């Protein structure tokens, strides 16, 4: 209060020496001086106070010594200036004085160092956040039923970045409705209503649900196998069947850190034969800053959406006439895919793998033997009849590799065998789950299988980890989240083989030096596994690589090798994929780069821009030379003006442009321009092409070969 009074008196009246000293003493290393030319003034605060108001061109404000305060001193200056602004407003100071003080406050805040990136917590590393999101789902349902009493509730879980709740309501929720519901949620949060857990009998729960006329809850109650039934109350006004967990009261939720995002259709229990519900999605965070960072990332994600960029950059399409989830690769997309696949093949061959090619269909009996028909039938397309036998289009490659292994009796001396295949598979996905390249019905797995001896397993896993790092890092992914999943309650295989395999995976991870989390009991029923997730440019995590031990298929197919004692033994089988699938990885890569692909895989590496019609033949000859060097080059023949030619190339994410006019033709040179807006200078044609070919071979940018510094943070303009 003393601070505020002093600041007010200073601003309004001009105080005597003592008061000025008091204010200066209250804010160490901060002086009260006229706002004008504060950074140039020297002397004491008292000297400033002795100036009558008529001699001050601007009102007093808090300033730093030569604008050089940092750290705690700068924080103190900002707090003091904020107090001065509040004091001026409370004292009803003239608007000009208040505006000047506010401007000075903004100047001081501008001196703060830029804030570092905000790390967003996850449900996994923040139990509190998980509870906030779960409770937010209940608050959403409570608010919705208050505003729309006829809406019936179904389920409302937490999800990766927030929560949702499904409603059966006669009204179609609109964006305006979501705003109303969000405001009602904020009111509930601010009321600080307690969350109370209650245990009731099944009959009591049924009676209560029937009184509320909530038929979906009755169905959920019947699906609950355990007792007692748990109910969570929000205050004394609303309750839901729930096992928890929740926060202690709604006041533990930051009302400014929740937001309703969208509404979408969802079938009850995921069954298209059941009722279509309305699903309201929301996000919730621990504080407003986290919400704002999340929203910033979501806006950036929209800009990077691979579905949008795929169309704008003419990379791929999903053709409705052919059916959903089937990808058509356009020439430019196919060029990138070929570069990815060629690199993948070369690295696998260098790592001791052999490449396989296997059929797309097989007799249904094969899938029965493998167990896929029994366990994954719902994810397989219907069978086809061929000469009174049923054939199945393949959902996986592994049984085919097993058949190649069984084509002859193997010796322990042949092991390990490493076989890799870019095998296209087909799986049935509901139309509502399809999503661009991320979830499709036909996709190419970068599949590989290793058949080895038990004592070879650790070394083989380490080799896979090394190869995974080599391949993923080539595309800029060098930060990983690694999980080791161990034996579940139900499994096949002996205790000994599970123990040996798990120890081998742990040993490989330890030797690799990668940090990892253990998911106890999270392995498949047929073996332990390692999952590797990658982080993209805007902080999202994507599941990519999987390394999976398998004790099931060797047993089902009676796979054998002859050991050194002449005895027949069962080999260890390892499934592994690095990209997961070409399609999904392509989508991730597109969003990670915002379509601005690394030079070595860009669909067009060089575009020539003729500014006179006579230059087109010259450009065509340059393109022919470039192609002989393995470069992907083209000529822009649109006849646009130079500015439009350059902008079109930038919008199409072309990494290098060459402007060609009469001068360049006569000199036999290319005036090169990088996608980052910088000039690479004029170079003789042969030299320019050699630089670009070398950059492509070394997987770097041409400016790096030339030793020219450019600002690579310059974002390409959004494609039309």
Foldseek 3Di string as FASTA:
>chain_A
DLLLVLLLCCQPFQDAQVSQVVNCVVQDQKHWAQLPPVLPDDDHNNVRSPDGPVPRPATIAIAHHNNPDADPSLVSRLVSLVSSLVSCVVVVHDPRNSVSSVVVSVVSVVSYDDDDDDDADWVVVDVQQLQLQQVLQVLLVLLCCVVQVQKAWADKHADTFGIKTWIDGPDDDDPVNQVSSLVSSLVLLVVFFFKDKDWDQLVVVVVVCVVSVRVNLVVVSVVDDDDRFMKIDRHPRDIHGDPDDHDGTSPQFASLFKGWDDKDWAAVVNDPVGDIIIMIDMGGGNDNVSSVLVVVLVVLLVLLQLQVLCVLLVAWDADVVVHWQDIGGGLQVVLLLVLLVVVLVVLQVVLPADEDDDDQKDFVVLCVLLCCCVPPVQFFDDWDDDPNTTMGGAQDCVSVVVVVLVPDAAALVPPWHKYWYQAKGATDDPRVPGDFLQDGGIFTFRKMKIWHALVCLLVVLLSVVVSLCVSVVLLPWNDKAKEKEAAAPAADDDPVSRVSNSVSNVNSCVVVVDDYYYHYRRADRFHIKMWIWTAAPSGDIGTAKMKTKGPRNCVSVVHWHQYPVRDTDGTIMIMITNGRTSSNSVSRSSSRCSNLGQLLSRSAQEEEEEQDPVCPVVVVVLCVVLVVLVHHYYYDPPNDHPVVVLLLCLQSNHAKYWYDYPVCVVVQWTFIAGSLGHTPGIDHSVVVSVLSSVCNVVRHGSCVSVVHDGDPVRHRPHRD
